[in-house]
C-alpha cells in the first residue's frame, strides 16, 4: 500500500534531523542520529529494525517523553499539526503545553502494558483520567466514555473490566485497555510501540484489525514500531528501516517486500519463515550474523558492514554512506546499492 499524493501533501507530523544523545563521561553517545520522516492523515508508517536500532527512542522523543538535561541532548525538529490547525515543535514546548498535546493530539501505546498501567488504580479510573483532563468531563461522563471505548474494542464484560485492576486481566485485555487509553481523546496521531509483543497470533491479528478500523473511521495517522516484518504487510503504507540509530531505508511497504535496496533489509526479509512447496522441510532459516553494535562502539563507514554479505573493503568501511534515492520514493543508505540485488540490473 502506498499513500496518495494528496495524503502526502499535508503531514500531521514532520520530523527533521532528529538526534538523541546521552553523555557518558566526556563522550556523547547518539542513540538516534539524523532521523527524518513525515506522516499524513489516514497514513500508517512502520518503523522496523532489530532491538537496539533506535525505534523506541525515536517514538519517545516524538512524544516529548525524553527531556533535555545536562546528560541528555536532543536536537532537530518535531513539528506537529494540532486539531486546531496550529503547528508546534514538540521539542520546544514547555511542560504545561506538552501535557495538553499528549493524549489529545498525539498518543502512544507502550510496549509493555503491565508496566505502563498503574497497579493500584482500576481500569476505568485510568482511562477516564485522560478524558476528564482533555475533554473537561465529569467523572460520571468520563467513566461512561471509558465504558464506550471498551465496548468498541470488543472487550468481554466491559462493565466488569471497568472496575478490574491490571493484574486481573490477561495480556491481550491489558493491551486493549492501553489502546482504549490512547484513543480516548481521538488523537490525530497514534504511536504504537510493539503493541503485539508477547501476544499470540490470534490476539495480534485482532489488535491490528482494531487499529485499522479506528484509522478508517477517524482518519488518524499511525506510527507502528515493530521488529516483525510480517505485521508491516498488514498495516503499513510506508516503512522506515532503522539500524544502529539511523534510517537505512525508506520505501513503500509494497516495494519493501518486492525490491529491498539495503542488504540489511534484504537480510531481515530472508529471516522470515515461509511456507512454500519448493522449500525443503529441513531448510534452516537465514540468520544475520553478529548483533546490532552498541551506540558507544559504532564501526567506521557503513554501520552494517561487519555483518553484511556484500562487504567490500576500503569502500564499505571507508566513509558513512548517505541516504540516496535509488528509485522514486525509495531511499537507501548503502555504498553498493547500484551493484547488488534488483538494482544491479
C-alpha atoms as a PDB file:
ATOM      1  CA  UNK A   1       0.000   0.000   0.000  1.00  0.00           C
ATOM      2  CA  UNK A   2       1.203   3.472  -0.760  1.00  0.00           C
ATOM      3  CA  UNK A   3      -0.137   6.854   0.286  1.00  0.00           C
ATOM      4  CA  UNK A   4      -1.712   9.108  -2.314  1.00  0.00           C
ATOM      5  CA  UNK A   5      -0.138  12.379  -3.453  1.00  0.00           C
ATOM      6  CA  UNK A   6      -2.914  14.282  -1.662  1.00  0.00           C
ATOM      7  CA  UNK A   7      -2.315  12.375   1.552  1.00  0.00           C
ATOM      8  CA  UNK A   8       1.388  13.106   1.474  1.00  0.00           C
ATOM      9  CA  UNK A   9       0.893  16.851   0.806  1.00  0.00           C
ATOM     10  CA  UNK A  10      -0.191  17.924   4.321  1.00  0.00           C
ATOM     11  CA  UNK A  11       1.604  15.995   7.064  1.00  0.00           C
ATOM     12  CA  UNK A  12       0.317  15.837  10.614  1.00  0.00           C
ATOM     13  CA  UNK A  13       3.877  15.245  11.794  1.00  0.00           C
ATOM     14  CA  UNK A  14       7.193  16.258  10.231  1.00  0.00           C
ATOM     15  CA  UNK A  15      10.398  15.077  11.903  1.00  0.00           C
ATOM     16  CA  UNK A  16      13.631  16.642  10.666  1.00  0.00           C
ATOM     17  CA  UNK A  17      17.171  15.593  11.604  1.00  0.00           C
ATOM     18  CA  UNK A  18      16.165  14.240  14.995  1.00  0.00           C
ATOM     19  CA  UNK A  19      19.128  13.377  17.203  1.00  0.00           C
ATOM     20  CA  UNK A  20      19.082  11.952  20.725  1.00  0.00           C
ATOM     21  CA  UNK A  21      22.387  11.646  22.552  1.00  0.00           C
ATOM     22  CA  UNK A  22      23.468  10.696  26.056  1.00  0.00           C
ATOM     23  CA  UNK A  23      26.602  11.960  27.798  1.00  0.00           C
ATOM     24  CA  UNK A  24      28.816   9.215  29.179  1.00  0.00           C
ATOM     25  CA  UNK A  25      31.944  10.667  30.744  1.00  0.00           C
ATOM     26  CA  UNK A  26      33.447  13.020  28.190  1.00  0.00           C
ATOM     27  CA  UNK A  27      31.639  11.356  25.251  1.00  0.00           C
ATOM     28  CA  UNK A  28      28.187  11.823  23.737  1.00  0.00           C
ATOM     29  CA  UNK A  29      26.619   8.571  22.546  1.00  0.00           C
ATOM     30  CA  UNK A  30      23.945   9.066  19.902  1.00  0.00           C
ATOM     31  CA  UNK A  31      21.057   6.619  20.165  1.00  0.00           C
ATOM     32  CA  UNK A  32      19.214   8.355  17.307  1.00  0.00           C
ATOM     33  CA  UNK A  33      21.181  10.062  14.556  1.00  0.00           C
ATOM     34  CA  UNK A  34      19.637  12.369  11.942  1.00  0.00           C
ATOM     35  CA  UNK A  35      16.234  10.684  11.583  1.00  0.00           C
ATOM     36  CA  UNK A  36      13.758  12.456   9.267  1.00  0.00           C
ATOM     37  CA  UNK A  37      10.246  11.457   8.139  1.00  0.00           C
ATOM     38  CA  UNK A  38       6.691  12.754   7.874  1.00  0.00           C
ATOM     39  CA  UNK A  39       3.240  11.227   8.175  1.00  0.00           C
ATOM     40  CA  UNK A  40      -0.148  12.426   6.934  1.00  0.00           C
ATOM     41  CA  UNK A  41      -3.793  11.776   7.913  1.00  0.00           C
ATOM     42  CA  UNK A  42      -5.011   8.184   7.413  1.00  0.00           C
ATOM     43  CA  UNK A  43      -1.434   7.030   6.782  1.00  0.00           C
ATOM     44  CA  UNK A  44       0.358   4.203   8.583  1.00  0.00           C
ATOM     45  CA  UNK A  45       4.151   4.352   8.832  1.00  0.00           C
ATOM     46  CA  UNK A  46       6.047   1.316  10.121  1.00  0.00           C
ATOM     47  CA  UNK A  47       9.446   1.794  11.779  1.00  0.00           C
ATOM     48  CA  UNK A  48      11.251  -1.543  11.763  1.00  0.00           C
ATOM     49  CA  UNK A  49      14.592  -2.956  12.852  1.00  0.00           C
ATOM     50  CA  UNK A  50      16.230  -5.173  15.443  1.00  0.00           C
ATOM     51  CA  UNK A  51      16.318  -4.365  19.151  1.00  0.00           C
ATOM     52  CA  UNK A  52      18.788  -1.557  19.767  1.00  0.00           C
ATOM     53  CA  UNK A  53      18.200   0.153  16.421  1.00  0.00           C
ATOM     54  CA  UNK A  54      16.661   3.300  17.963  1.00  0.00           C
ATOM     55  CA  UNK A  55      12.993   2.698  17.114  1.00  0.00           C
ATOM     56  CA  UNK A  56      11.508   3.178  20.574  1.00  0.00           C
ATOM     57  CA  UNK A  57      13.822   6.096  21.406  1.00  0.00           C
ATOM     58  CA  UNK A  58      12.576   7.829  18.266  1.00  0.00           C
ATOM     59  CA  UNK A  59       8.958   7.278  19.323  1.00  0.00           C
ATOM     60  CA  UNK A  60       9.592   8.546  22.860  1.00  0.00           C
ATOM     61  CA  UNK A  61      11.323  11.656  21.526  1.00  0.00           C
ATOM     62  CA  UNK A  62       8.409  12.387  19.175  1.00  0.00           C
ATOM     63  CA  UNK A  63       6.052  12.119  22.181  1.00  0.00           C
ATOM     64  CA  UNK A  64       8.196  14.564  24.127  1.00  0.00           C
ATOM     65  CA  UNK A  65       8.892  11.910  26.763  1.00  0.00           C
ATOM     66  CA  UNK A  66      12.677  12.378  26.673  1.00  0.00           C
ATOM     67  CA  UNK A  67      13.623  15.574  28.450  1.00  0.00           C
ATOM     68  CA  UNK A  68      16.750  17.607  27.790  1.00  0.00           C
ATOM     69  CA  UNK A  69      19.204  17.593  30.688  1.00  0.00           C
ATOM     70  CA  UNK A  70      22.957  18.016  31.075  1.00  0.00           C
ATOM     71  CA  UNK A  71      23.297  14.323  30.204  1.00  0.00           C
ATOM     72  CA  UNK A  72      20.587  14.119  27.513  1.00  0.00           C
ATOM     73  CA  UNK A  73      20.998  16.030  24.266  1.00  0.00           C
ATOM     74  CA  UNK A  74      18.145  16.368  21.771  1.00  0.00           C
ATOM     75  CA  UNK A  75      18.226  18.335  18.533  1.00  0.00           C
ATOM     76  CA  UNK A  76      16.236  18.625  15.320  1.00  0.00           C
ATOM     77  CA  UNK A  77      12.556  19.423  14.868  1.00  0.00           C
ATOM     78  CA  UNK A  78       9.325  17.513  15.581  1.00  0.00           C
ATOM     79  CA  UNK A  79       6.586  19.671  14.044  1.00  0.00           C
ATOM     80  CA  UNK A  80       3.053  18.571  14.945  1.00  0.00           C
ATOM     81  CA  UNK A  81      -0.169  19.969  13.465  1.00  0.00           C
ATOM     82  CA  UNK A  82      -2.779  20.009  16.241  1.00  0.00           C
ATOM     83  CA  UNK A  83      -6.554  19.642  15.970  1.00  0.00           C
ATOM     84  CA  UNK A  84      -6.841  23.433  15.947  1.00  0.00           C
ATOM     85  CA  UNK A  85      -4.537  23.652  12.914  1.00  0.00           C
ATOM     86  CA  UNK A  86      -1.684  25.178  14.918  1.00  0.00           C
ATOM     87  CA  UNK A  87       1.786  23.806  14.162  1.00  0.00           C
ATOM     88  CA  UNK A  88       4.180  23.450  17.078  1.00  0.00           C
ATOM     89  CA  UNK A  89       7.613  21.955  17.640  1.00  0.00           C
ATOM     90  CA  UNK A  90       7.126  19.269  20.286  1.00  0.00           C
ATOM     91  CA  UNK A  91      10.771  19.522  21.337  1.00  0.00           C
ATOM     92  CA  UNK A  92      10.384  23.214  22.223  1.00  0.00           C
ATOM     93  CA  UNK A  93       7.064  23.081  24.098  1.00  0.00           C
ATOM     94  CA  UNK A  94       7.076  23.947  27.819  1.00  0.00           C
ATOM     95  CA  UNK A  95       5.869  21.198  30.159  1.00  0.00           C
ATOM     96  CA  UNK A  96       2.328  22.580  30.572  1.00  0.00           C
ATOM     97  CA  UNK A  97       1.726  22.929  26.828  1.00  0.00           C
ATOM     98  CA  UNK A  98       3.199  19.475  26.250  1.00  0.00           C
ATOM     99  CA  UNK A  99       0.683  17.939  28.654  1.00  0.00           C
ATOM    100  CA  UNK A 100      -2.124  19.453  26.570  1.00  0.00           C
ATOM    101  CA  UNK A 101      -0.698  17.943  23.377  1.00  0.00           C
ATOM    102  CA  UNK A 102      -0.025  14.456  24.749  1.00  0.00           C
ATOM    103  CA  UNK A 103      -3.151  12.350  24.840  1.00  0.00           C
ATOM    104  CA  UNK A 104      -5.170  14.948  22.945  1.00  0.00           C
ATOM    105  CA  UNK A 105      -3.271  15.392  19.648  1.00  0.00           C
ATOM    106  CA  UNK A 106      -0.725  12.604  19.926  1.00  0.00           C
ATOM    107  CA  UNK A 107      -0.934   9.387  21.956  1.00  0.00           C
ATOM    108  CA  UNK A 108       1.191   6.292  22.463  1.00  0.00           C
ATOM    109  CA  UNK A 109       0.609   2.605  23.106  1.00  0.00           C
ATOM    110  CA  UNK A 110       3.606   1.466  25.116  1.00  0.00           C
ATOM    111  CA  UNK A 111       5.484  -1.763  24.621  1.00  0.00           C
ATOM    112  CA  UNK A 112       4.614  -3.477  27.904  1.00  0.00           C
ATOM    113  CA  UNK A 113       1.116  -2.747  29.243  1.00  0.00           C
ATOM    114  CA  UNK A 114       1.713  -4.335  32.656  1.00  0.00           C
ATOM    115  CA  UNK A 115       4.488  -1.842  33.448  1.00  0.00           C
ATOM    116  CA  UNK A 116       2.607   1.078  31.849  1.00  0.00           C
ATOM    117  CA  UNK A 117      -0.672   0.639  33.735  1.00  0.00           C
ATOM    118  CA  UNK A 118      -0.857   1.736  37.370  1.00  0.00           C
ATOM    119  CA  UNK A 119      -1.454  -1.373  39.515  1.00  0.00           C
ATOM    120  CA  UNK A 120      -3.331   0.486  42.285  1.00  0.00           C
ATOM    121  CA  UNK A 121      -5.997   2.146  40.114  1.00  0.00           C
ATOM    122  CA  UNK A 122      -8.926   0.471  38.392  1.00  0.00           C
ATOM    123  CA  UNK A 123      -9.029   0.255  34.600  1.00  0.00           C
ATOM    124  CA  UNK A 124     -11.971   2.656  34.451  1.00  0.00           C
ATOM    125  CA  UNK A 125     -10.170   5.286  36.534  1.00  0.00           C
ATOM    126  CA  UNK A 126      -7.075   5.159  34.339  1.00  0.00           C
ATOM    127  CA  UNK A 127      -8.985   5.544  31.065  1.00  0.00           C
ATOM    128  CA  UNK A 128     -11.286   8.226  32.487  1.00  0.00           C
ATOM    129  CA  UNK A 129      -8.362  10.337  33.763  1.00  0.00           C
ATOM    130  CA  UNK A 130      -7.255  11.401  30.285  1.00  0.00           C
ATOM    131  CA  UNK A 131     -10.837  12.039  29.168  1.00  0.00           C
ATOM    132  CA  UNK A 132     -11.539  14.239  32.192  1.00  0.00           C
ATOM    133  CA  UNK A 133      -8.328  16.216  31.638  1.00  0.00           C
ATOM    134  CA  UNK A 134      -8.674  16.930  27.923  1.00  0.00           C
ATOM    135  CA  UNK A 135     -12.445  16.863  27.440  1.00  0.00           C
ATOM    136  CA  UNK A 136     -13.275  18.543  30.765  1.00  0.00           C
ATOM    137  CA  UNK A 137     -15.943  15.944  31.534  1.00  0.00           C
ATOM    138  CA  UNK A 138     -17.378  14.993  34.892  1.00  0.00           C
ATOM    139  CA  UNK A 139     -16.222  11.735  36.465  1.00  0.00           C
ATOM    140  CA  UNK A 140     -19.517  10.037  35.571  1.00  0.00           C
ATOM    141  CA  UNK A 141     -19.272  11.127  31.922  1.00  0.00           C
ATOM    142  CA  UNK A 142     -15.587  10.152  31.778  1.00  0.00           C
ATOM    143  CA  UNK A 143     -16.366   6.662  33.051  1.00  0.00           C
ATOM    144  CA  UNK A 144     -19.212   6.393  30.528  1.00  0.00           C
ATOM    145  CA  UNK A 145     -16.724   7.276  27.779  1.00  0.00           C
ATOM    146  CA  UNK A 146     -14.308   4.641  29.157  1.00  0.00           C
ATOM    147  CA  UNK A 147     -17.049   2.012  29.030  1.00  0.00           C
ATOM    148  CA  UNK A 148     -17.912   3.034  25.448  1.00  0.00           C
ATOM    149  CA  UNK A 149     -14.297   2.576  24.389  1.00  0.00           C
ATOM    150  CA  UNK A 150     -14.039  -0.871  25.963  1.00  0.00           C
ATOM    151  CA  UNK A 151     -17.218  -1.894  24.134  1.00  0.00           C
ATOM    152  CA  UNK A 152     -15.840  -0.574  20.821  1.00  0.00           C
ATOM    153  CA  UNK A 153     -12.660  -2.601  21.358  1.00  0.00           C
ATOM    154  CA  UNK A 154     -14.717  -5.780  21.877  1.00  0.00           C
ATOM    155  CA  UNK A 155     -13.607  -6.287  25.474  1.00  0.00           C
ATOM    156  CA  UNK A 156     -15.698  -9.103  27.025  1.00  0.00           C
ATOM    157  CA  UNK A 157     -17.759  -7.994  30.022  1.00  0.00           C
ATOM    158  CA  UNK A 158     -16.736  -4.319  29.729  1.00  0.00           C
ATOM    159  CA  UNK A 159     -18.607  -3.388  32.930  1.00  0.00           C
ATOM    160  CA  UNK A 160     -16.531  -5.884  34.895  1.00  0.00           C
ATOM    161  CA  UNK A 161     -13.318  -4.765  33.166  1.00  0.00           C
ATOM    162  CA  UNK A 162     -14.053  -1.160  34.136  1.00  0.00           C
ATOM    163  CA  UNK A 163     -13.764  -1.962  37.863  1.00  0.00           C
ATOM    164  CA  UNK A 164     -10.951  -4.509  37.492  1.00  0.00           C
ATOM    165  CA  UNK A 165      -7.246  -3.909  38.146  1.00  0.00           C
ATOM    166  CA  UNK A 166      -4.412  -4.584  35.654  1.00  0.00           C
ATOM    167  CA  UNK A 167      -3.243  -7.817  37.341  1.00  0.00           C
ATOM    168  CA  UNK A 168      -6.733  -9.276  36.943  1.00  0.00           C
ATOM    169  CA  UNK A 169      -6.622  -9.068  33.140  1.00  0.00           C
ATOM    170  CA  UNK A 170      -4.869 -11.173  30.502  1.00  0.00           C
ATOM    171  CA  UNK A 171      -2.103  -9.733  28.329  1.00  0.00           C
ATOM    172  CA  UNK A 172      -4.475  -9.272  25.403  1.00  0.00           C
ATOM    173  CA  UNK A 173      -7.043  -7.463  27.557  1.00  0.00           C
ATOM    174  CA  UNK A 174      -4.388  -5.189  29.069  1.00  0.00           C
ATOM    175  CA  UNK A 175      -3.254  -4.300  25.561  1.00  0.00           C
ATOM    176  CA  UNK A 176      -6.828  -3.442  24.618  1.00  0.00           C
ATOM    177  CA  UNK A 177      -7.003  -1.205  27.685  1.00  0.00           C
ATOM    178  CA  UNK A 178      -3.824   0.576  26.581  1.00  0.00           C
ATOM    179  CA  UNK A 179      -5.381   1.125  23.157  1.00  0.00           C
ATOM    180  CA  UNK A 180      -8.561   2.448  24.799  1.00  0.00           C
ATOM    181  CA  UNK A 181      -6.495   4.931  26.838  1.00  0.00           C
ATOM    182  CA  UNK A 182      -4.590   6.053  23.749  1.00  0.00           C
ATOM    183  CA  UNK A 183      -7.780   6.506  21.700  1.00  0.00           C
ATOM    184  CA  UNK A 184      -9.870   8.059  24.471  1.00  0.00           C
ATOM    185  CA  UNK A 185      -9.454  11.635  23.208  1.00  0.00           C
ATOM    186  CA  UNK A 186      -9.338  10.748  19.488  1.00  0.00           C
ATOM    187  CA  UNK A 187      -5.737  11.829  18.812  1.00  0.00           C
ATOM    188  CA  UNK A 188      -4.625  12.841  15.336  1.00  0.00           C
ATOM    189  CA  UNK A 189      -1.517  10.665  15.642  1.00  0.00           C
ATOM    190  CA  UNK A 190      -1.045   7.325  17.407  1.00  0.00           C
ATOM    191  CA  UNK A 191       2.397   5.844  18.112  1.00  0.00           C
ATOM    192  CA  UNK A 192       2.128   2.085  18.678  1.00  0.00           C
ATOM    193  CA  UNK A 193       5.380   0.731  20.136  1.00  0.00           C
ATOM    194  CA  UNK A 194       5.465  -3.056  19.678  1.00  0.00           C
ATOM    195  CA  UNK A 195       1.760  -3.310  20.652  1.00  0.00           C
ATOM    196  CA  UNK A 196       1.596  -7.020  19.793  1.00  0.00           C
ATOM    197  CA  UNK A 197       4.798  -8.211  21.518  1.00  0.00           C
ATOM    198  CA  UNK A 198       4.331 -11.393  23.613  1.00  0.00           C
ATOM    199  CA  UNK A 199       0.764 -11.872  22.359  1.00  0.00           C
ATOM    200  CA  UNK A 200      -0.380 -14.953  20.481  1.00  0.00           C
ATOM    201  CA  UNK A 201      -1.019 -14.606  16.748  1.00  0.00           C
ATOM    202  CA  UNK A 202      -4.810 -14.561  17.121  1.00  0.00           C
ATOM    203  CA  UNK A 203      -4.722 -11.622  19.540  1.00  0.00           C
ATOM    204  CA  UNK A 204      -2.120  -9.901  17.336  1.00  0.00           C
ATOM    205  CA  UNK A 205      -4.454 -10.104  14.361  1.00  0.00           C
ATOM    206  CA  UNK A 206      -7.361  -8.761  16.418  1.00  0.00           C
ATOM    207  CA  UNK A 207      -5.381  -5.748  17.664  1.00  0.00           C
ATOM    208  CA  UNK A 208      -4.114  -4.891  14.173  1.00  0.00           C
ATOM    209  CA  UNK A 209      -7.656  -5.113  12.827  1.00  0.00           C
ATOM    210  CA  UNK A 210      -8.890  -2.838  15.627  1.00  0.00           C
ATOM    211  CA  UNK A 211      -6.278  -0.204  14.787  1.00  0.00           C
ATOM    212  CA  UNK A 212      -7.174  -0.364  11.092  1.00  0.00           C
ATOM    213  CA  UNK A 213     -10.863   0.050  11.877  1.00  0.00           C
ATOM    214  CA  UNK A 214     -10.259   3.083  14.092  1.00  0.00           C
ATOM    215  CA  UNK A 215      -7.999   4.618  11.463  1.00  0.00           C
ATOM    216  CA  UNK A 216     -10.649   4.136   8.759  1.00  0.00           C
ATOM    217  CA  UNK A 217     -13.293   5.762  10.992  1.00  0.00           C
ATOM    218  CA  UNK A 218     -11.280   8.741  12.248  1.00  0.00           C
ATOM    219  CA  UNK A 219      -8.510   9.424   9.719  1.00  0.00           C
ATOM    220  CA  UNK A 220      -5.932   9.028  12.466  1.00  0.00           C
ATOM    221  CA  UNK A 221      -2.285   8.595  11.430  1.00  0.00           C
ATOM    222  CA  UNK A 222      -0.358   5.666  12.933  1.00  0.00           C
ATOM    223  CA  UNK A 223       3.352   5.147  13.554  1.00  0.00           C
ATOM    224  CA  UNK A 224       3.777   1.406  14.113  1.00  0.00           C
ATOM    225  CA  UNK A 225       7.089   0.476  15.748  1.00  0.00           C
ATOM    226  CA  UNK A 226       7.959  -3.196  15.353  1.00  0.00           C
ATOM    227  CA  UNK A 227      10.672  -5.751  14.660  1.00  0.00           C
ATOM    228  CA  UNK A 228       8.128  -8.029  12.975  1.00  0.00           C
ATOM    229  CA  UNK A 229       8.125  -7.508   9.208  1.00  0.00           C
ATOM    230  CA  UNK A 230       5.142  -9.825   8.871  1.00  0.00           C
ATOM    231  CA  UNK A 231       2.986  -7.239  10.635  1.00  0.00           C
ATOM    232  CA  UNK A 232       4.220  -4.465   8.342  1.00  0.00           C
ATOM    233  CA  UNK A 233       2.495  -6.006   5.325  1.00  0.00           C
ATOM    234  CA  UNK A 234      -0.801  -5.970   7.250  1.00  0.00           C
ATOM    235  CA  UNK A 235      -0.938  -2.357   8.373  1.00  0.00           C
ATOM    236  CA  UNK A 236       1.687  -0.069   6.810  1.00  0.00           C
ATOM    237  CA  UNK A 237       1.617   2.235   3.786  1.00  0.00           C
ATOM    238  CA  UNK A 238       5.284   3.222   4.136  1.00  0.00           C
ATOM    239  CA  UNK A 239       8.266   1.790   6.003  1.00  0.00           C
ATOM    240  CA  UNK A 240      11.380   3.190   7.657  1.00  0.00           C
ATOM    241  CA  UNK A 241      14.082   0.608   8.309  1.00  0.00           C
ATOM    242  CA  UNK A 242      16.417   1.633  11.145  1.00  0.00           C
ATOM    243  CA  UNK A 243      19.798   0.227  12.098  1.00  0.00           C
ATOM    244  CA  UNK A 244      22.171   1.434  14.840  1.00  0.00           C
ATOM    245  CA  UNK A 245      20.280   4.681  15.357  1.00  0.00           C
ATOM    246  CA  UNK A 246      19.806   5.796  11.771  1.00  0.00           C
ATOM    247  CA  UNK A 247      17.433   5.271   8.867  1.00  0.00           C
ATOM    248  CA  UNK A 248      18.942   2.871   6.319  1.00  0.00           C
ATOM    249  CA  UNK A 249      15.929   2.527   4.012  1.00  0.00           C
ATOM    250  CA  UNK A 250      12.703   4.441   3.381  1.00  0.00           C
ATOM    251  CA  UNK A 251      10.207   2.889   0.972  1.00  0.00           C
ATOM    252  CA  UNK A 252       6.556   1.974   0.442  1.00  0.00           C
ATOM    253  CA  UNK A 253       5.506  -1.180   2.264  1.00  0.00           C
ATOM    254  CA  UNK A 254       4.705  -2.929  -1.008  1.00  0.00           C
ATOM    255  CA  UNK A 255       8.122  -2.240  -2.557  1.00  0.00           C
ATOM    256  CA  UNK A 256       9.904  -3.190   0.663  1.00  0.00           C
ATOM    257  CA  UNK A 257       8.943  -6.818   0.103  1.00  0.00           C
ATOM    258  CA  UNK A 258       9.358  -6.780  -3.665  1.00  0.00           C
ATOM    259  CA  UNK A 259      12.572  -4.797  -4.083  1.00  0.00           C
ATOM    260  CA  UNK A 260      14.651  -4.109  -0.943  1.00  0.00           C
ATOM    261  CA  UNK A 261      17.658  -1.916  -1.689  1.00  0.00           C
ATOM    262  CA  UNK A 262      19.637  -2.191   1.549  1.00  0.00           C
ATOM    263  CA  UNK A 263      21.378  -5.510   2.338  1.00  0.00           C
ATOM    264  CA  UNK A 264      20.166  -5.212   5.934  1.00  0.00           C
ATOM    265  CA  UNK A 265      16.535  -5.025   4.794  1.00  0.00           C
ATOM    266  CA  UNK A 266      17.051  -7.981   2.455  1.00  0.00           C
ATOM    267  CA  UNK A 267      18.609  -9.986   5.302  1.00  0.00           C
ATOM    268  CA  UNK A 268      15.639  -9.232   7.570  1.00  0.00           C
ATOM    269  CA  UNK A 269      13.249 -10.439   4.865  1.00  0.00           C
ATOM    270  CA  UNK A 270      15.267 -13.611   4.305  1.00  0.00           C
ATOM    271  CA  UNK A 271      14.976 -14.432   8.011  1.00  0.00           C
ATOM    272  CA  UNK A 272      11.158 -14.604   7.790  1.00  0.00           C
ATOM    273  CA  UNK A 273       9.697 -18.134   7.873  1.00  0.00           C
ATOM    274  CA  UNK A 274       7.954 -19.132   4.647  1.00  0.00           C
ATOM    275  CA  UNK A 275       5.599 -21.893   3.656  1.00  0.00           C
ATOM    276  CA  UNK A 276       6.315 -22.911   0.078  1.00  0.00           C
ATOM    277  CA  UNK A 277       6.094 -26.082  -1.976  1.00  0.00           C
ATOM    278  CA  UNK A 278       9.697 -25.769  -3.143  1.00  0.00           C
ATOM    279  CA  UNK A 279      11.095 -25.334   0.388  1.00  0.00           C
ATOM    280  CA  UNK A 280      12.793 -28.409   1.819  1.00  0.00           C
ATOM    281  CA  UNK A 281      11.331 -29.403   5.216  1.00  0.00           C
ATOM    282  CA  UNK A 282      14.750 -29.330   6.897  1.00  0.00           C
ATOM    283  CA  UNK A 283      15.832 -25.963   5.452  1.00  0.00           C
ATOM    284  CA  UNK A 284      17.143 -23.647   8.166  1.00  0.00           C
ATOM    285  CA  UNK A 285      16.031 -20.015   8.406  1.00  0.00           C
ATOM    286  CA  UNK A 286      18.612 -17.500   7.259  1.00  0.00           C
ATOM    287  CA  UNK A 287      20.126 -15.524  10.129  1.00  0.00           C
ATOM    288  CA  UNK A 288      22.098 -12.285  10.211  1.00  0.00           C
ATOM    289  CA  UNK A 289      25.489 -12.963  11.846  1.00  0.00           C
ATOM    290  CA  UNK A 290      26.512 -10.894  14.856  1.00  0.00           C
ATOM    291  CA  UNK A 291      24.348  -8.279  16.533  1.00  0.00           C
ATOM    292  CA  UNK A 292      23.493  -4.584  16.363  1.00  0.00           C
ATOM    293  CA  UNK A 293      26.565  -2.614  17.534  1.00  0.00           C
ATOM    294  CA  UNK A 294      26.429  -0.628  20.759  1.00  0.00           C
ATOM    295  CA  UNK A 295      25.801   3.097  20.269  1.00  0.00           C
ATOM    296  CA  UNK A 296      29.106   3.659  22.038  1.00  0.00           C
ATOM    297  CA  UNK A 297      31.141   1.355  19.761  1.00  0.00           C
ATOM    298  CA  UNK A 298      29.955   2.000  16.208  1.00  0.00           C
ATOM    299  CA  UNK A 299      32.090   0.768  13.309  1.00  0.00           C
ATOM    300  CA  UNK A 300      33.567   3.209  10.812  1.00  0.00           C
ATOM    301  CA  UNK A 301      31.877   3.609   7.437  1.00  0.00           C
ATOM    302  CA  UNK A 302      28.593   1.769   6.977  1.00  0.00           C
ATOM    303  CA  UNK A 303      27.342   0.657  10.385  1.00  0.00           C
ATOM    304  CA  UNK A 304      26.092  -2.632   8.968  1.00  0.00           C
ATOM    305  CA  UNK A 305      29.296  -3.620   7.170  1.00  0.00           C
ATOM    306  CA  UNK A 306      30.665  -6.055   9.852  1.00  0.00           C
ATOM    307  CA  UNK A 307      27.537  -8.203   9.328  1.00  0.00           C
ATOM    308  CA  UNK A 308      26.991  -7.619   5.611  1.00  0.00           C
ATOM    309  CA  UNK A 309      27.386 -10.361   2.992  1.00  0.00           C
ATOM    310  CA  UNK A 310      28.203  -7.683   0.372  1.00  0.00           C
ATOM    311  CA  UNK A 311      31.035  -6.026   2.346  1.00  0.00           C
ATOM    312  CA  UNK A 312      33.766  -4.519   0.158  1.00  0.00           C
ATOM    313  CA  UNK A 313      36.974  -3.451   1.909  1.00  0.00           C
ATOM    314  CA  UNK A 314      38.043   0.208   1.564  1.00  0.00           C
ATOM    315  CA  UNK A 315      34.555   1.080   0.352  1.00  0.00           C
ATOM    316  CA  UNK A 316      32.026  -0.022   2.950  1.00  0.00           C
ATOM    317  CA  UNK A 317      34.359   0.717   5.880  1.00  0.00           C
ATOM    318  CA  UNK A 318      35.814   3.941   4.496  1.00  0.00           C
ATOM    319  CA  UNK A 319      33.037   6.511   4.939  1.00  0.00           C
ATOM    320  CA  UNK A 320      29.478   6.680   6.241  1.00  0.00           C
ATOM    321  CA  UNK A 321      27.088   6.266   3.288  1.00  0.00           C
ATOM    322  CA  UNK A 322      24.463   8.922   2.632  1.00  0.00           C
ATOM    323  CA  UNK A 323      20.735   8.274   2.218  1.00  0.00           C
ATOM    324  CA  UNK A 324      20.272   8.206  -1.574  1.00  0.00           C
ATOM    325  CA  UNK A 325      17.244   7.909  -3.860  1.00  0.00           C
ATOM    326  CA  UNK A 326      17.528   4.592  -5.731  1.00  0.00           C
ATOM    327  CA  UNK A 327      14.012   4.873  -7.240  1.00  0.00           C
ATOM    328  CA  UNK A 328      11.078   7.296  -6.953  1.00  0.00           C
ATOM    329  CA  UNK A 329      10.014   7.346  -3.301  1.00  0.00           C
ATOM    330  CA  UNK A 330      12.695   4.799  -2.381  1.00  0.00           C
ATOM    331  CA  UNK A 331      15.738   5.879  -0.341  1.00  0.00           C
ATOM    332  CA  UNK A 332      18.611   3.679   0.768  1.00  0.00           C
ATOM    333  CA  UNK A 333      21.836   4.105   2.783  1.00  0.00           C
ATOM    334  CA  UNK A 334      24.364   1.811   1.123  1.00  0.00           C
ATOM    335  CA  UNK A 335      27.593   2.337  -0.846  1.00  0.00           C
ATOM    336  CA  UNK A 336      26.854  -0.648  -3.099  1.00  0.00           C
ATOM    337  CA  UNK A 337      23.109  -0.489  -3.806  1.00  0.00           C
ATOM    338  CA  UNK A 338      23.808   0.012  -7.539  1.00  0.00           C
ATOM    339  CA  UNK A 339      25.840  -3.217  -7.678  1.00  0.00           C
ATOM    340  CA  UNK A 340      23.673  -5.658  -5.719  1.00  0.00           C
ATOM    341  CA  UNK A 341      20.169  -7.121  -5.771  1.00  0.00           C
ATOM    342  CA  UNK A 342      17.494  -5.922  -8.188  1.00  0.00           C
ATOM    343  CA  UNK A 343      19.186  -2.569  -8.704  1.00  0.00           C
ATOM    344  CA  UNK A 344      22.276  -4.181 -10.254  1.00  0.00           C
ATOM    345  CA  UNK A 345      20.261  -4.832 -13.410  1.00  0.00           C
END
